Each structure stands twice: as C-alpha cells, then as structure tokens.
N, C-alpha and C. Protein backbone atom coordinates (compact mmCIF):
# COMPACT_ATOMS: atom_id res chain seq x y z
N MET A 1 -39.16 -8.26 -55.85
CA MET A 1 -38.21 -9.44 -55.62
C MET A 1 -38.75 -10.59 -54.63
N ARG A 2 -39.18 -9.78 -53.43
CA ARG A 2 -39.31 -10.82 -52.50
C ARG A 2 -41.19 -11.50 -52.89
N ILE A 3 -41.85 -10.78 -53.62
CA ILE A 3 -43.21 -11.08 -53.85
C ILE A 3 -42.93 -12.13 -54.85
N LEU A 4 -42.14 -12.07 -55.46
CA LEU A 4 -41.98 -13.27 -56.76
C LEU A 4 -41.28 -14.24 -56.14
N VAL A 5 -40.54 -14.43 -54.99
CA VAL A 5 -40.03 -15.58 -54.28
C VAL A 5 -41.20 -16.52 -53.35
N ILE A 6 -41.88 -15.59 -52.59
CA ILE A 6 -42.94 -16.19 -51.87
C ILE A 6 -44.00 -16.67 -52.87
N ALA A 7 -44.30 -16.07 -53.83
CA ALA A 7 -45.11 -16.72 -54.87
C ALA A 7 -44.62 -18.36 -55.48
N ALA A 8 -43.50 -18.36 -55.70
CA ALA A 8 -42.81 -19.32 -56.39
C ALA A 8 -42.89 -20.47 -55.11
N VAL A 9 -42.88 -20.13 -53.91
CA VAL A 9 -42.88 -21.10 -52.95
C VAL A 9 -44.32 -21.53 -52.87
N VAL A 10 -45.03 -20.55 -52.59
CA VAL A 10 -46.36 -21.06 -52.32
C VAL A 10 -46.75 -22.28 -53.59
N LEU A 11 -46.69 -21.78 -54.93
CA LEU A 11 -46.88 -22.45 -56.12
C LEU A 11 -46.18 -24.19 -55.65
N ALA A 12 -45.21 -24.07 -55.56
CA ALA A 12 -44.23 -25.18 -55.39
C ALA A 12 -44.91 -26.07 -54.20
N LEU A 13 -45.47 -25.71 -53.35
CA LEU A 13 -45.80 -26.09 -51.82
C LEU A 13 -47.48 -26.59 -52.61
N THR A 14 -48.20 -25.94 -53.13
CA THR A 14 -49.49 -26.13 -53.49
C THR A 14 -49.30 -27.58 -54.51
N ALA A 15 -48.45 -27.58 -55.72
CA ALA A 15 -47.93 -28.55 -56.77
C ALA A 15 -47.65 -29.90 -55.76
N ALA A 16 -46.70 -29.22 -54.73
CA ALA A 16 -46.24 -30.79 -54.01
C ALA A 16 -47.52 -31.52 -53.58
N SER A 17 -48.54 -31.12 -52.98
CA SER A 17 -49.75 -31.31 -52.26
C SER A 17 -50.62 -32.00 -53.14
N VAL A 18 -50.79 -31.52 -54.21
CA VAL A 18 -51.63 -32.01 -55.42
C VAL A 18 -51.06 -33.20 -55.96
N GLN A 19 -49.74 -33.34 -56.39
CA GLN A 19 -49.19 -34.76 -56.75
C GLN A 19 -49.13 -35.58 -55.42
N ALA A 20 -48.97 -35.40 -54.37
CA ALA A 20 -49.25 -36.14 -53.51
C ALA A 20 -50.47 -37.00 -53.46
N GLN A 21 -51.30 -36.18 -53.60
CA GLN A 21 -53.02 -36.87 -53.20
C GLN A 21 -52.75 -37.56 -54.39
N GLY A 22 -52.37 -37.51 -55.75
CA GLY A 22 -52.59 -38.00 -57.00
C GLY A 22 -52.18 -39.45 -57.07
N ARG A 23 -51.12 -39.95 -56.18
CA ARG A 23 -49.84 -40.94 -56.34
C ARG A 23 -51.07 -42.10 -55.93
N ARG A 24 -50.88 -43.48 -56.47
CA ARG A 24 -51.28 -44.52 -56.05
C ARG A 24 -50.66 -45.54 -55.57
N GLN A 25 -50.62 -46.46 -55.00
CA GLN A 25 -49.86 -47.40 -54.29
C GLN A 25 -49.97 -48.21 -55.23
N PRO A 26 -48.46 -49.12 -55.75
CA PRO A 26 -48.60 -50.07 -56.44
C PRO A 26 -48.99 -51.49 -56.08
N SER A 27 -49.91 -51.89 -57.18
CA SER A 27 -50.63 -53.22 -56.46
C SER A 27 -50.19 -54.09 -57.65
N ASP A 28 -50.11 -55.33 -56.96
CA ASP A 28 -49.53 -56.78 -57.54
C ASP A 28 -50.53 -57.74 -58.26
N GLY A 29 -51.78 -56.94 -58.02
CA GLY A 29 -52.72 -57.91 -58.68
C GLY A 29 -53.93 -58.59 -57.70
N ALA A 30 -53.22 -58.83 -56.38
CA ALA A 30 -54.29 -59.41 -55.85
C ALA A 30 -55.05 -58.54 -55.12
N LYS A 31 -56.17 -58.79 -54.54
CA LYS A 31 -57.30 -58.20 -54.07
C LYS A 31 -56.52 -58.15 -52.49
N PRO A 32 -56.78 -56.89 -51.76
CA PRO A 32 -56.26 -56.90 -50.09
C PRO A 32 -57.08 -57.92 -49.43
N ALA A 33 -56.86 -58.57 -48.28
CA ALA A 33 -57.65 -59.16 -47.61
C ALA A 33 -58.56 -58.41 -46.83
N ASP A 34 -59.89 -59.01 -46.92
CA ASP A 34 -61.15 -58.19 -46.24
C ASP A 34 -60.69 -57.70 -44.54
N THR A 35 -60.57 -56.83 -43.86
CA THR A 35 -60.37 -56.60 -42.67
C THR A 35 -61.17 -56.19 -41.49
N THR A 36 -62.51 -56.00 -42.44
CA THR A 36 -63.66 -55.27 -41.80
C THR A 36 -64.20 -56.40 -40.83
N PRO A 37 -64.73 -56.20 -39.61
CA PRO A 37 -64.99 -57.11 -38.79
C PRO A 37 -66.35 -57.70 -39.18
N LYS A 38 -66.78 -59.29 -39.04
CA LYS A 38 -67.92 -59.58 -39.43
C LYS A 38 -69.03 -59.39 -38.33
N ILE A 39 -70.26 -58.67 -38.50
CA ILE A 39 -71.14 -58.36 -37.70
C ILE A 39 -72.07 -59.85 -37.37
N ASP A 40 -71.95 -60.14 -36.12
CA ASP A 40 -72.67 -61.00 -35.40
C ASP A 40 -74.35 -60.49 -34.86
N GLU A 41 -75.16 -60.86 -35.66
CA GLU A 41 -76.59 -60.29 -35.26
C GLU A 41 -76.87 -61.11 -33.85
N LYS A 42 -76.66 -62.33 -33.82
CA LYS A 42 -77.34 -62.24 -32.47
C LYS A 42 -76.50 -61.92 -31.24
N ALA A 43 -75.36 -61.76 -31.35
CA ALA A 43 -74.70 -60.70 -30.14
C ALA A 43 -75.16 -59.51 -30.31
N TYR A 44 -75.10 -58.71 -31.51
CA TYR A 44 -75.87 -57.49 -31.38
C TYR A 44 -77.39 -57.30 -30.74
N LYS A 45 -77.88 -58.02 -31.25
CA LYS A 45 -79.36 -58.32 -30.54
C LYS A 45 -79.56 -58.69 -29.09
N ALA A 46 -78.60 -59.57 -28.42
CA ALA A 46 -78.46 -59.85 -27.14
C ALA A 46 -77.86 -58.53 -26.50
N ALA A 47 -76.99 -57.72 -27.04
CA ALA A 47 -76.32 -56.60 -26.36
C ALA A 47 -77.47 -55.37 -26.43
N LEU A 48 -78.48 -55.34 -27.39
CA LEU A 48 -79.41 -54.50 -27.08
C LEU A 48 -80.40 -54.81 -26.32
N GLU A 49 -80.72 -55.77 -25.67
CA GLU A 49 -81.70 -56.45 -24.88
C GLU A 49 -81.33 -56.24 -23.47
N ARG A 50 -79.62 -56.02 -22.92
CA ARG A 50 -79.05 -55.92 -21.87
C ARG A 50 -79.10 -54.44 -21.72
N ILE A 51 -79.47 -53.43 -22.79
CA ILE A 51 -79.68 -51.92 -22.26
C ILE A 51 -80.88 -51.87 -21.26
N PRO A 52 -80.95 -50.96 -20.04
CA PRO A 52 -81.93 -50.97 -19.50
C PRO A 52 -82.97 -49.71 -19.71
N GLU A 53 -84.04 -50.12 -19.57
CA GLU A 53 -84.70 -48.87 -20.25
C GLU A 53 -85.15 -47.50 -19.41
N PRO A 54 -85.27 -46.66 -19.48
CA PRO A 54 -85.07 -45.49 -18.71
C PRO A 54 -86.31 -45.23 -17.98
N LYS A 55 -86.42 -45.00 -16.57
CA LYS A 55 -87.61 -44.75 -15.55
C LYS A 55 -88.24 -43.82 -16.19
N ASP A 56 -87.60 -42.74 -16.49
CA ASP A 56 -88.52 -41.25 -17.06
C ASP A 56 -87.95 -41.08 -18.17
N LYS A 57 -89.01 -40.24 -19.20
CA LYS A 57 -88.41 -39.80 -20.40
C LYS A 57 -87.72 -38.88 -20.64
N TYR A 58 -86.34 -38.92 -21.29
CA TYR A 58 -85.34 -38.20 -21.29
C TYR A 58 -86.11 -36.58 -22.07
N ASP A 59 -85.64 -35.65 -21.16
CA ASP A 59 -85.54 -34.53 -22.34
C ASP A 59 -84.54 -33.38 -22.17
N PRO A 60 -83.74 -33.70 -23.54
CA PRO A 60 -82.70 -32.86 -23.84
C PRO A 60 -82.80 -31.43 -23.73
N TRP A 61 -83.45 -31.05 -23.65
CA TRP A 61 -83.89 -29.27 -23.68
C TRP A 61 -84.35 -29.02 -22.21
N GLY A 62 -84.35 -29.77 -21.05
CA GLY A 62 -84.65 -29.58 -19.99
C GLY A 62 -84.33 -28.44 -19.32
N GLY A 63 -82.99 -28.14 -19.44
CA GLY A 63 -82.14 -27.28 -19.21
C GLY A 63 -82.03 -25.82 -19.41
N ALA A 64 -82.68 -25.76 -20.75
CA ALA A 64 -83.02 -24.66 -21.41
C ALA A 64 -84.33 -24.18 -21.11
N ARG A 65 -85.20 -24.83 -20.79
CA ARG A 65 -86.58 -24.19 -20.73
C ARG A 65 -87.18 -24.78 -19.56
N PRO A 66 -88.12 -24.03 -18.48
CA PRO A 66 -88.77 -24.35 -17.42
C PRO A 66 -89.43 -25.73 -17.57
N SER A 67 -89.67 -26.64 -16.31
CA SER A 67 -90.30 -27.88 -16.81
C SER A 67 -91.52 -27.79 -17.12
N GLU A 68 -92.15 -26.77 -16.00
CA GLU A 68 -93.73 -26.65 -16.42
C GLU A 68 -94.22 -25.11 -16.79
N PRO A 69 -94.90 -25.46 -17.82
CA PRO A 69 -95.31 -23.81 -18.68
C PRO A 69 -95.72 -22.54 -17.86
N SER A 70 -95.19 -21.61 -18.10
CA SER A 70 -95.62 -20.39 -17.34
C SER A 70 -97.04 -20.01 -17.20
N ARG A 71 -97.76 -19.74 -16.48
CA ARG A 71 -99.39 -19.83 -16.37
C ARG A 71 -99.40 -17.88 -16.50
N LYS A 72 -100.55 -17.74 -17.19
CA LYS A 72 -100.78 -16.48 -17.32
C LYS A 72 -101.44 -15.70 -16.21
N PRO A 73 -101.33 -15.06 -15.62
CA PRO A 73 -101.58 -13.91 -14.62
C PRO A 73 -103.41 -13.55 -15.19
N LYS A 74 -104.51 -13.62 -14.02
CA LYS A 74 -105.80 -13.44 -14.48
C LYS A 74 -105.91 -11.94 -14.33
C-alpha cells in the first residue's frame, strides 16, 4: 500500500512539472518591446584599445610543468 501511495505522489509531481513547462503566457497580439541593448561599435573598439598589452607571454600551464625543459645527463 505504501509503495502505491509513493508511486502516485511521484507520478503527480512529474505530471505537474510537465504541465507547468507547457503553459504559455497569453499574448495580446502586440510584440514585446526590444529590451536588448544596442551595441555601440565605436565604444567597443575604443574599450579594446584601452586594454594594455602584456609585457611577457602568459603561460596557463606554467605551474603544472617546469619553466625550462629538463636536460638529460650525459
């Protein structure tokens, strides 16, 4: 009996979540306003030029391996 009740609860919760995902908001026919910000190419390029150039090359694996290769003994 307990297993049947647990199975019914799990089935009800699953069905409720599927039903909630399928609902759509009612629309009045008008398209929503475009809320995405407009890209300003001139400001973007100016911001890229303000980024300073690094003095030395960045090595992301520098901590995982030695900086100089090990030499084989003769």
